[in-house]
PDB file of all heavy atoms in Angstrom:
ATOM      1  N   SER A   1      43.251  61.286 113.721  1.00  0.00           N
ATOM      2  CA  SER A   1      42.324  62.341 113.337  1.00  0.00           C
ATOM      3  C   SER A   1      41.192  61.733 112.499  1.00  0.00           C
ATOM      4  O   SER A   1      41.409  60.765 111.759  1.00  0.00           O
ATOM      5  CB  SER A   1      43.038  63.422 112.531  1.00  0.00           C
ATOM      6  OG  SER A   1      42.108  64.333 111.965  1.00  0.00           O
ATOM      7  N   TYR A   2      40.020  62.329 112.628  1.00  0.00           N
ATOM      8  CA  TYR A   2      38.892  61.908 111.801  1.00  0.00           C
ATOM      9  C   TYR A   2      38.809  62.674 110.494  1.00  0.00           C
ATOM     10  O   TYR A   2      37.886  62.484 109.710  1.00  0.00           O
ATOM     11  CB  TYR A   2      37.573  62.093 112.563  1.00  0.00           C
ATOM     12  CG  TYR A   2      37.339  61.051 113.635  1.00  0.00           C
ATOM     13  CD1 TYR A   2      37.558  61.339 114.971  1.00  0.00           C
ATOM     14  CD2 TYR A   2      36.927  59.769 113.295  1.00  0.00           C
ATOM     15  CE1 TYR A   2      37.370  60.386 115.950  1.00  0.00           C
ATOM     16  CE2 TYR A   2      36.725  58.798 114.254  1.00  0.00           C
ATOM     17  CZ  TYR A   2      36.944  59.102 115.587  1.00  0.00           C
ATOM     18  OH  TYR A   2      36.760  58.157 116.548  1.00  0.00           O
ATOM     19  N   ALA A   3      39.776  63.549 110.263  1.00  0.00           N
ATOM     20  CA  ALA A   3      39.735  64.365 109.059  1.00  0.00           C
ATOM     21  C   ALA A   3      39.839  63.520 107.794  1.00  0.00           C
ATOM     22  O   ALA A   3      39.342  63.914 106.738  1.00  0.00           O
ATOM     23  CB  ALA A   3      40.849  65.412 109.085  1.00  0.00           C
ATOM     24  N   LEU A   4      40.505  62.352 107.892  1.00  0.00           N
ATOM     25  CA  LEU A   4      40.641  61.492 106.707  1.00  0.00           C
ATOM     26  C   LEU A   4      39.543  60.456 106.592  1.00  0.00           C
ATOM     27  O   LEU A   4      39.585  59.615 105.709  1.00  0.00           O
ATOM     28  CB  LEU A   4      42.000  60.779 106.758  1.00  0.00           C
ATOM     29  CG  LEU A   4      43.198  61.551 106.220  1.00  0.00           C
ATOM     30  CD1 LEU A   4      44.443  60.686 106.250  1.00  0.00           C
ATOM     31  CD2 LEU A   4      42.945  62.062 104.816  1.00  0.00           C
ATOM     32  N   LEU A   5      38.551  60.535 107.473  1.00  0.00           N
ATOM     33  CA  LEU A   5      37.485  59.546 107.420  1.00  0.00           C
ATOM     34  C   LEU A   5      36.677  59.667 106.129  1.00  0.00           C
ATOM     35  O   LEU A   5      36.371  58.659 105.477  1.00  0.00           O
ATOM     36  CB  LEU A   5      36.563  59.704 108.633  1.00  0.00           C
ATOM     37  CG  LEU A   5      35.429  58.657 108.751  1.00  0.00           C
ATOM     38  CD1 LEU A   5      36.017  57.258 108.826  1.00  0.00           C
ATOM     39  CD2 LEU A   5      34.573  58.955 109.976  1.00  0.00           C
ATOM     40  N   ALA A   6      36.344  60.897 105.751  1.00  0.00           N
ATOM     41  CA  ALA A   6      35.570  61.088 104.508  1.00  0.00           C
ATOM     42  C   ALA A   6      36.362  60.648 103.276  1.00  0.00           C
ATOM     43  O   ALA A   6      35.829  59.911 102.444  1.00  0.00           O
ATOM     44  CB  ALA A   6      35.148  62.550 104.379  1.00  0.00           C
ATOM     45  N   PRO A   7      37.639  61.064 103.133  1.00  0.00           N
ATOM     46  CA  PRO A   7      38.420  60.533 101.992  1.00  0.00           C
ATOM     47  C   PRO A   7      38.517  59.010 102.003  1.00  0.00           C
ATOM     48  O   PRO A   7      38.452  58.381 100.938  1.00  0.00           O
ATOM     49  CB  PRO A   7      39.792  61.185 102.187  1.00  0.00           C
ATOM     50  CG  PRO A   7      39.516  62.446 102.935  1.00  0.00           C
ATOM     51  CD  PRO A   7      38.385  62.118 103.852  1.00  0.00           C
ATOM     52  N   ALA A   8      38.691  58.428 103.178  1.00  0.00           N
ATOM     53  CA  ALA A   8      38.789  56.973 103.248  1.00  0.00           C
ATOM     54  C   ALA A   8      37.480  56.318 102.827  1.00  0.00           C
ATOM     55  O   ALA A   8      37.477  55.295 102.132  1.00  0.00           O
ATOM     56  CB  ALA A   8      39.155  56.546 104.666  1.00  0.00           C
ATOM     57  N   MET A   9      36.359  56.889 103.249  1.00  0.00           N
ATOM     58  CA  MET A   9      35.064  56.331 102.865  1.00  0.00           C
ATOM     59  C   MET A   9      34.872  56.355 101.360  1.00  0.00           C
ATOM     60  O   MET A   9      34.369  55.388 100.752  1.00  0.00           O
ATOM     61  CB  MET A   9      33.944  57.085 103.564  1.00  0.00           C
ATOM     62  CG  MET A   9      33.896  56.898 105.070  1.00  0.00           C
ATOM     63  SD  MET A   9      32.699  57.961 105.896  1.00  0.00           S
ATOM     64  CE  MET A   9      31.165  57.290 105.268  1.00  0.00           C
ATOM     65  N   VAL A  10      35.300  57.445 100.732  1.00  0.00           N
ATOM     66  CA  VAL A  10      35.159  57.555  99.271  1.00  0.00           C
ATOM     67  C   VAL A  10      36.042  56.535  98.570  1.00  0.00           C
ATOM     68  O   VAL A  10      35.568  55.760  97.712  1.00  0.00           O
ATOM     69  CB  VAL A  10      35.511  58.986  98.813  1.00  0.00           C
ATOM     70  CG1 VAL A  10      35.572  59.057  97.290  1.00  0.00           C
ATOM     71  CG2 VAL A  10      34.499  59.991  99.348  1.00  0.00           C
ATOM     72  N   ALA A  11      37.330  56.519  98.908  1.00  0.00           N
ATOM     73  CA  ALA A  11      38.278  55.635  98.204  1.00  0.00           C
ATOM     74  C   ALA A  11      37.997  54.170  98.498  1.00  0.00           C
ATOM     75  O   ALA A  11      37.987  53.341  97.564  1.00  0.00           O
ATOM     76  CB  ALA A  11      39.703  56.002  98.613  1.00  0.00           C
ATOM     77  N   VAL A  12      37.805  53.829  99.760  1.00  0.00           N
ATOM     78  CA  VAL A  12      37.562  52.432 100.117  1.00  0.00           C
ATOM     79  C   VAL A  12      36.253  51.943  99.509  1.00  0.00           C
ATOM     80  O   VAL A  12      36.174  50.826  98.992  1.00  0.00           O
ATOM     81  CB  VAL A  12      37.566  52.254 101.640  1.00  0.00           C
ATOM     82  CG1 VAL A  12      37.177  50.811 102.016  1.00  0.00           C
ATOM     83  CG2 VAL A  12      38.932  52.583 102.229  1.00  0.00           C
ATOM     84  N   GLY A  13      35.221  52.790  99.566  1.00  0.00           N
ATOM     85  CA  GLY A  13      33.933  52.379  99.017  1.00  0.00           C
ATOM     86  C   GLY A  13      34.013  52.094  97.523  1.00  0.00           C
ATOM     87  O   GLY A  13      33.491  51.085  97.038  1.00  0.00           O
ATOM     88  N   ILE A  14      34.670  52.964  96.776  1.00  0.00           N
ATOM     89  CA  ILE A  14      34.794  52.750  95.332  1.00  0.00           C
ATOM     90  C   ILE A  14      35.629  51.514  95.040  1.00  0.00           C
ATOM     91  O   ILE A  14      35.278  50.688  94.173  1.00  0.00           O
ATOM     92  CB  ILE A  14      35.405  54.000  94.674  1.00  0.00           C
ATOM     93  CG1 ILE A  14      34.418  55.181  94.772  1.00  0.00           C
ATOM     94  CG2 ILE A  14      35.770  53.724  93.219  1.00  0.00           C
ATOM     95  CD1 ILE A  14      34.971  56.490  94.250  1.00  0.00           C
ATOM     96  N   SER A  15      36.749  51.377  95.723  1.00  0.00           N
ATOM     97  CA  SER A  15      37.602  50.202  95.513  1.00  0.00           C
ATOM     98  C   SER A  15      36.854  48.910  95.836  1.00  0.00           C
ATOM     99  O   SER A  15      36.935  47.915  95.105  1.00  0.00           O
ATOM    100  CB  SER A  15      38.844  50.307  96.399  1.00  0.00           C
ATOM    101  OG  SER A  15      39.623  49.136  96.337  1.00  0.00           O
ATOM    102  N   TYR A  16      36.083  48.931  96.921  1.00  0.00           N
ATOM    103  CA  TYR A  16      35.327  47.751  97.347  1.00  0.00           C
ATOM    104  C   TYR A  16      34.315  47.331  96.293  1.00  0.00           C
ATOM    105  O   TYR A  16      34.162  46.145  95.979  1.00  0.00           O
ATOM    106  CB  TYR A  16      34.623  48.091  98.655  1.00  0.00           C
ATOM    107  CG  TYR A  16      33.736  46.998  99.216  1.00  0.00           C
ATOM    108  CD1 TYR A  16      34.279  45.965  99.976  1.00  0.00           C
ATOM    109  CD2 TYR A  16      32.364  47.030  99.042  1.00  0.00           C
ATOM    110  CE1 TYR A  16      33.470  44.978 100.518  1.00  0.00           C
ATOM    111  CE2 TYR A  16      31.544  46.058  99.571  1.00  0.00           C
ATOM    112  CZ  TYR A  16      32.106  45.031 100.306  1.00  0.00           C
ATOM    113  OH  TYR A  16      31.295  44.064 100.810  1.00  0.00           O
ATOM    114  N   VAL A  17      33.631  48.305  95.705  1.00  0.00           N
ATOM    115  CA  VAL A  17      32.638  48.006  94.682  1.00  0.00           C
ATOM    116  C   VAL A  17      33.286  47.439  93.421  1.00  0.00           C
ATOM    117  O   VAL A  17      32.806  46.493  92.804  1.00  0.00           O
ATOM    118  CB  VAL A  17      31.812  49.255  94.356  1.00  0.00           C
ATOM    119  CG1 VAL A  17      30.913  49.021  93.143  1.00  0.00           C
ATOM    120  CG2 VAL A  17      30.963  49.661  95.564  1.00  0.00           C
ATOM    121  N   ILE A  18      34.408  48.049  93.012  1.00  0.00           N
ATOM    122  CA  ILE A  18      35.083  47.597  91.792  1.00  0.00           C
ATOM    123  C   ILE A  18      35.634  46.171  91.952  1.00  0.00           C
ATOM    124  O   ILE A  18      35.453  45.321  91.078  1.00  0.00           O
ATOM    125  CB  ILE A  18      36.231  48.572  91.434  1.00  0.00           C
ATOM    126  CG1 ILE A  18      35.656  49.934  91.003  1.00  0.00           C
ATOM    127  CG2 ILE A  18      37.086  47.991  90.306  1.00  0.00           C
ATOM    128  CD1 ILE A  18      36.715  50.988  90.747  1.00  0.00           C
ATOM    129  N   ILE A  19      36.280  45.915  93.079  1.00  0.00           N
ATOM    130  CA  ILE A  19      36.888  44.601  93.297  1.00  0.00           C
ATOM    131  C   ILE A  19      35.832  43.515  93.469  1.00  0.00           C
ATOM    132  O   ILE A  19      36.036  42.360  93.082  1.00  0.00           O
ATOM    133  CB  ILE A  19      37.829  44.655  94.511  1.00  0.00           C
ATOM    134  CG1 ILE A  19      39.017  45.581  94.206  1.00  0.00           C
ATOM    135  CG2 ILE A  19      38.341  43.267  94.873  1.00  0.00           C
ATOM    136  CD1 ILE A  19      39.936  45.816  95.387  1.00  0.00           C
ATOM    137  N   ASN A  20      34.706  43.878  94.035  1.00  0.00           N
ATOM    138  CA  ASN A  20      33.586  42.949  94.224  1.00  0.00           C
ATOM    139  C   ASN A  20      34.056  41.715  94.992  1.00  0.00           C
ATOM    140  O   ASN A  20      34.672  41.852  96.050  1.00  0.00           O
ATOM    141  CB  ASN A  20      32.989  42.585  92.858  1.00  0.00           C
ATOM    142  CG  ASN A  20      31.590  42.025  92.979  1.00  0.00           C
ATOM    143  OD1 ASN A  20      31.009  42.002  94.049  1.00  0.00           O
ATOM    144  ND2 ASN A  20      31.036  41.588  91.867  1.00  0.00           N
ATOM    145  N   ASN A  21      33.802  40.517  94.492  1.00  0.00           N
ATOM    146  CA  ASN A  21      34.140  39.300  95.217  1.00  0.00           C
ATOM    147  C   ASN A  21      35.505  38.731  94.857  1.00  0.00           C
ATOM    148  O   ASN A  21      35.789  37.557  95.163  1.00  0.00           O
ATOM    149  CB  ASN A  21      33.066  38.223  94.995  1.00  0.00           C
ATOM    150  CG  ASN A  21      31.791  38.529  95.753  1.00  0.00           C
ATOM    151  OD1 ASN A  21      31.775  39.328  96.681  1.00  0.00           O
ATOM    152  ND2 ASN A  21      30.705  37.907  95.341  1.00  0.00           N
ATOM    153  N   ASN A  22      36.344  39.506  94.200  1.00  0.00           N
ATOM    154  CA  ASN A  22      37.684  39.040  93.856  1.00  0.00           C
ATOM    155  C   ASN A  22      38.610  39.184  95.066  1.00  0.00           C
ATOM    156  O   ASN A  22      39.497  40.038  95.098  1.00  0.00           O
ATOM    157  CB  ASN A  22      38.218  39.838  92.664  1.00  0.00           C
ATOM    158  CG  ASN A  22      37.431  39.595  91.404  1.00  0.00           C
ATOM    159  OD1 ASN A  22      37.626  38.593  90.734  1.00  0.00           O
ATOM    160  ND2 ASN A  22      36.506  40.499  91.091  1.00  0.00           N
ATOM    161  N   THR A  23      38.397  38.359  96.032  1.00  0.00           N
ATOM    162  CA  THR A  23      39.103  38.451  97.302  1.00  0.00           C
ATOM    163  C   THR A  23      40.479  37.822  97.243  1.00  0.00           C
ATOM    164  O   THR A  23      40.705  36.877  96.478  1.00  0.00           O
ATOM    165  CB  THR A  23      38.280  37.808  98.434  1.00  0.00           C
ATOM    166  OG1 THR A  23      39.029  37.821  99.641  1.00  0.00           O
ATOM    167  CG2 THR A  23      37.931  36.375  98.081  1.00  0.00           C
ATOM    168  N   ILE A  24      41.382  38.333  98.061  1.00  0.00           N
ATOM    169  CA  ILE A  24      42.713  37.742  98.182  1.00  0.00           C
ATOM    170  C   ILE A  24      42.688  36.539  99.100  1.00  0.00           C
ATOM    171  O   ILE A  24      43.629  35.737  99.121  1.00  0.00           O
ATOM    172  CB  ILE A  24      43.725  38.792  98.685  1.00  0.00           C
ATOM    173  CG1 ILE A  24      45.178  38.338  98.458  1.00  0.00           C
ATOM    174  CG2 ILE A  24      43.480  39.109 100.154  1.00  0.00           C
ATOM    175  CD1 ILE A  24      45.576  38.220  97.019  1.00  0.00           C
ATOM    176  N   TYR A  25      41.621  36.393  99.893  1.00  0.00           N
ATOM    177  CA  TYR A  25      41.476  35.273 100.808  1.00  0.00           C
ATOM    178  C   TYR A  25      40.451  34.314 100.242  1.00  0.00           C
ATOM    179  O   TYR A  25      39.239  34.482 100.429  1.00  0.00           O
ATOM    180  CB  TYR A  25      41.041  35.752 102.199  1.00  0.00           C
ATOM    181  CG  TYR A  25      42.040  36.665 102.873  1.00  0.00           C
ATOM    182  CD1 TYR A  25      41.743  38.006 103.080  1.00  0.00           C
ATOM    183  CD2 TYR A  25      43.271  36.187 103.303  1.00  0.00           C
ATOM    184  CE1 TYR A  25      42.663  38.842 103.705  1.00  0.00           C
ATOM    185  CE2 TYR A  25      44.187  37.016 103.930  1.00  0.00           C
ATOM    186  CZ  TYR A  25      43.876  38.339 104.121  1.00  0.00           C
ATOM    187  OH  TYR A  25      44.787  39.166 104.731  1.00  0.00           O
ATOM    188  N   GLU A  26      40.912  33.296  99.523  1.00  0.00           N
ATOM    189  CA  GLU A  26      39.985  32.400  98.838  1.00  0.00           C
ATOM    190  C   GLU A  26      39.162  31.554  99.815  1.00  0.00           C
ATOM    191  O   GLU A  26      38.152  30.974  99.424  1.00  0.00           O
ATOM    192  CB  GLU A  26      40.735  31.485  97.890  1.00  0.00           C
ATOM    193  CG  GLU A  26      41.700  30.529  98.549  1.00  0.00           C
ATOM    194  CD  GLU A  26      42.357  29.581  97.559  1.00  0.00           C
ATOM    195  OE1 GLU A  26      42.016  29.657  96.363  1.00  0.00           O
ATOM    196  OE2 GLU A  26      43.208  28.777  97.976  1.00  0.00           O
ATOM    197  N   SER A  27      39.580  31.473 101.070  1.00  0.00           N
ATOM    198  CA  SER A  27      38.818  30.697 102.042  1.00  0.00           C
ATOM    199  C   SER A  27      37.599  31.452 102.585  1.00  0.00           C
ATOM    200  O   SER A  27      36.804  30.870 103.324  1.00  0.00           O
ATOM    201  CB  SER A  27      39.721  30.292 103.211  1.00  0.00           C
ATOM    202  OG  SER A  27      40.266  31.431 103.856  1.00  0.00           O
ATOM    203  N   GLN A  28      37.469  32.718 102.251  1.00  0.00           N
ATOM    204  CA  GLN A  28      36.293  33.472 102.681  1.00  0.00           C
ATOM    205  C   GLN A  28      35.034  32.870 102.050  1.00  0.00           C
ATOM    206  O   GLN A  28      35.022  32.561 100.853  1.00  0.00           O
ATOM    207  CB  GLN A  28      36.417  34.942 102.274  1.00  0.00           C
ATOM    208  CG  GLN A  28      37.355  35.775 103.117  1.00  0.00           C
ATOM    209  CD  GLN A  28      37.440  37.201 102.612  1.00  0.00           C
ATOM    210  OE1 GLN A  28      37.338  37.472 101.429  1.00  0.00           O
ATOM    211  NE2 GLN A  28      37.647  38.143 103.528  1.00  0.00           N
ATOM    212  N   VAL A  29      34.007  32.719 102.855  1.00  0.00           N
ATOM    213  CA  VAL A  29      32.723  32.265 102.329  1.00  0.00           C
ATOM    214  C   VAL A  29      31.828  33.480 102.129  1.00  0.00           C
ATOM    215  O   VAL A  29      32.121  34.577 102.593  1.00  0.00           O
ATOM    216  CB  VAL A  29      32.049  31.249 103.265  1.00  0.00           C
ATOM    217  CG1 VAL A  29      32.860  29.963 103.317  1.00  0.00           C
ATOM    218  CG2 VAL A  29      31.884  31.835 104.665  1.00  0.00           C
ATOM    219  N   GLN A  30      30.724  33.274 101.434  1.00  0.00           N
ATOM    220  CA  GLN A  30      29.884  34.399 101.062  1.00  0.00           C
ATOM    221  C   GLN A  30      29.365  35.170 102.268  1.00  0.00           C
ATOM    222  O   GLN A  30      29.413  36.390 102.316  1.00  0.00           O
ATOM    223  CB  GLN A  30      28.703  33.921 100.214  1.00  0.00           C
ATOM    224  CG  GLN A  30      27.826  35.027  99.658  1.00  0.00           C
ATOM    225  CD  GLN A  30      28.555  35.907  98.669  1.00  0.00           C
ATOM    226  OE1 GLN A  30      29.333  35.418  97.852  1.00  0.00           O
ATOM    227  NE2 GLN A  30      28.325  37.202  98.733  1.00  0.00           N
ATOM    228  N   SER A  31      28.877  34.445 103.266  1.00  0.00           N
ATOM    229  CA  SER A  31      28.281  35.081 104.445  1.00  0.00           C
ATOM    230  C   SER A  31      28.224  34.058 105.564  1.00  0.00           C
ATOM    231  O   SER A  31      28.460  32.860 105.334  1.00  0.00           O
ATOM    232  CB  SER A  31      26.880  35.601 104.114  1.00  0.00           C
ATOM    233  OG  SER A  31      25.997  34.523 103.890  1.00  0.00           O
ATOM    234  N   PRO A  32      27.894  34.475 106.788  1.00  0.00           N
ATOM    235  CA  PRO A  32      27.750  33.484 107.862  1.00  0.00           C
ATOM    236  C   PRO A  32      26.743  32.387 107.548  1.00  0.00           C
ATOM    237  O   PRO A  32      26.915  31.251 107.976  1.00  0.00           O
ATOM    238  CB  PRO A  32      27.293  34.343 109.055  1.00  0.00           C
ATOM    239  CG  PRO A  32      27.876  35.692 108.787  1.00  0.00           C
ATOM    240  CD  PRO A  32      27.818  35.873 107.289  1.00  0.00           C
TER     241      PRO A  32
END
């Protein structure tokens, strides 16, 4: 269902901003 898309966008977006570049995958590079 797409009913949880809006809640997911809110929660994931806020979490993403707070965590910033503190990634669990240290091999990730900044960008291509």
